[in-house]
Amino acid sequence: MGEAKRRKENGLPPKSPKKPASKAAPNNLFIKYPRLPYLLVVLGVLYLIFDLVKYYNR
């Protein structure tokens, strides 16, 4: 504990523990709702099919 003794001798407070970096919000959303990516893909495919049908019925 060399550094701790030096900090104490110099009158410095003990080192505070490092906090882990917070994760980005989208990661938390996908962790909270694990089926959300599949739902988004299905909705996207349905939209593309709907748009394709609408385009060819002109």
C-alpha atoms as a PDB file:
ATOM      1  CA  MET A   1       0.000   0.000   0.000  1.00  0.00           C
ATOM      2  CA  GLY A   2       2.719   2.466  -0.936  1.00  0.00           C
ATOM      3  CA  GLU A   3       0.462   4.876  -2.705  1.00  0.00           C
ATOM      4  CA  ALA A   4      -2.084   4.915   0.115  1.00  0.00           C
ATOM      5  CA  LYS A   5       0.629   5.815   2.625  1.00  0.00           C
ATOM      6  CA  ARG A   6       1.963   8.573   0.356  1.00  0.00           C
ATOM      7  CA  ARG A   7      -1.515  10.021  -0.085  1.00  0.00           C
ATOM      8  CA  LYS A   8      -2.026   9.971   3.683  1.00  0.00           C
ATOM      9  CA  GLU A   9       1.366  11.646   4.322  1.00  0.00           C
ATOM     10  CA  ASN A  10       0.583  14.360   1.773  1.00  0.00           C
ATOM     11  CA  GLY A  11      -2.826  14.999   3.306  1.00  0.00           C
ATOM     12  CA  LEU A  12      -4.761  13.789   0.289  1.00  0.00           C
ATOM     13  CA  PRO A  13      -8.026  11.875   0.623  1.00  0.00           C
ATOM     14  CA  PRO A  14      -8.135   8.213  -0.415  1.00  0.00           C
ATOM     15  CA  LYS A  15      -8.798   7.504  -4.065  1.00  0.00           C
ATOM     16  CA  SER A  16     -12.453   7.191  -4.945  1.00  0.00           C
ATOM     17  CA  PRO A  17     -13.425   3.979  -6.739  1.00  0.00           C
ATOM     18  CA  LYS A  18     -13.768   4.311 -10.495  1.00  0.00           C
ATOM     19  CA  LYS A  19     -17.327   4.172 -11.775  1.00  0.00           C
ATOM     20  CA  PRO A  20     -17.911   2.009 -14.839  1.00  0.00           C
ATOM     21  CA  ALA A  21     -18.815   3.856 -18.005  1.00  0.00           C
ATOM     22  CA  SER A  22     -22.565   4.042 -18.472  1.00  0.00           C
ATOM     23  CA  LYS A  23     -23.959   2.160 -21.447  1.00  0.00           C
ATOM     24  CA  ALA A  24     -25.768   3.869 -24.269  1.00  0.00           C
ATOM     25  CA  ALA A  25     -29.547   4.123 -24.029  1.00  0.00           C
ATOM     26  CA  PRO A  26     -30.344   1.938 -27.081  1.00  0.00           C
ATOM     27  CA  ASN A  27     -28.375  -0.943 -25.550  1.00  0.00           C
ATOM     28  CA  ASN A  28     -30.431  -0.702 -22.392  1.00  0.00           C
ATOM     29  CA  LEU A  29     -33.630  -0.634 -24.418  1.00  0.00           C
ATOM     30  CA  PHE A  30     -32.654  -3.773 -26.338  1.00  0.00           C
ATOM     31  CA  ILE A  31     -31.617  -5.484 -23.114  1.00  0.00           C
ATOM     32  CA  LYS A  32     -34.874  -4.547 -21.442  1.00  0.00           C
ATOM     33  CA  TYR A  33     -36.957  -5.736 -24.425  1.00  0.00           C
ATOM     34  CA  PRO A  34     -35.003  -8.551 -26.122  1.00  0.00           C
ATOM     35  CA  ARG A  35     -37.678  -9.132 -28.782  1.00  0.00           C
ATOM     36  CA  LEU A  36     -37.729  -5.500 -29.921  1.00  0.00           C
ATOM     37  CA  PRO A  37     -35.226  -5.936 -32.811  1.00  0.00           C
ATOM     38  CA  TYR A  38     -37.316  -8.788 -34.226  1.00  0.00           C
ATOM     39  CA  LEU A  39     -40.465  -6.708 -33.948  1.00  0.00           C
ATOM     40  CA  LEU A  40     -38.807  -3.797 -35.750  1.00  0.00           C
ATOM     41  CA  VAL A  41     -37.637  -6.080 -38.579  1.00  0.00           C
ATOM     42  CA  VAL A  42     -41.109  -7.584 -38.984  1.00  0.00           C
ATOM     43  CA  LEU A  43     -42.699  -4.141 -39.074  1.00  0.00           C
ATOM     44  CA  GLY A  44     -40.138  -2.976 -41.636  1.00  0.00           C
ATOM     45  CA  VAL A  45     -40.750  -5.984 -43.875  1.00  0.00           C
ATOM     46  CA  LEU A  46     -44.509  -5.518 -43.620  1.00  0.00           C
ATOM     47  CA  TYR A  47     -44.129  -1.864 -44.569  1.00  0.00           C
ATOM     48  CA  LEU A  48     -41.992  -2.761 -47.575  1.00  0.00           C
ATOM     49  CA  ILE A  49     -44.528  -5.369 -48.735  1.00  0.00           C
ATOM     50  CA  PHE A  50     -47.385  -2.887 -48.288  1.00  0.00           C
ATOM     51  CA  ASP A  51     -45.463  -0.236 -50.209  1.00  0.00           C
ATOM     52  CA  LEU A  52     -44.621  -2.708 -52.982  1.00  0.00           C
ATOM     53  CA  VAL A  53     -48.289  -3.739 -53.360  1.00  0.00           C
ATOM     54  CA  LYS A  54     -49.364  -0.102 -53.384  1.00  0.00           C
ATOM     55  CA  TYR A  55     -46.745   0.690 -56.057  1.00  0.00           C
ATOM     56  CA  TYR A  56     -47.825  -2.107 -58.402  1.00  0.00           C
ATOM     57  CA  ASN A  57     -51.551  -1.340 -58.043  1.00  0.00           C
ATOM     58  CA  ARG A  58     -51.187   2.100 -59.594  1.00  0.00           C
END
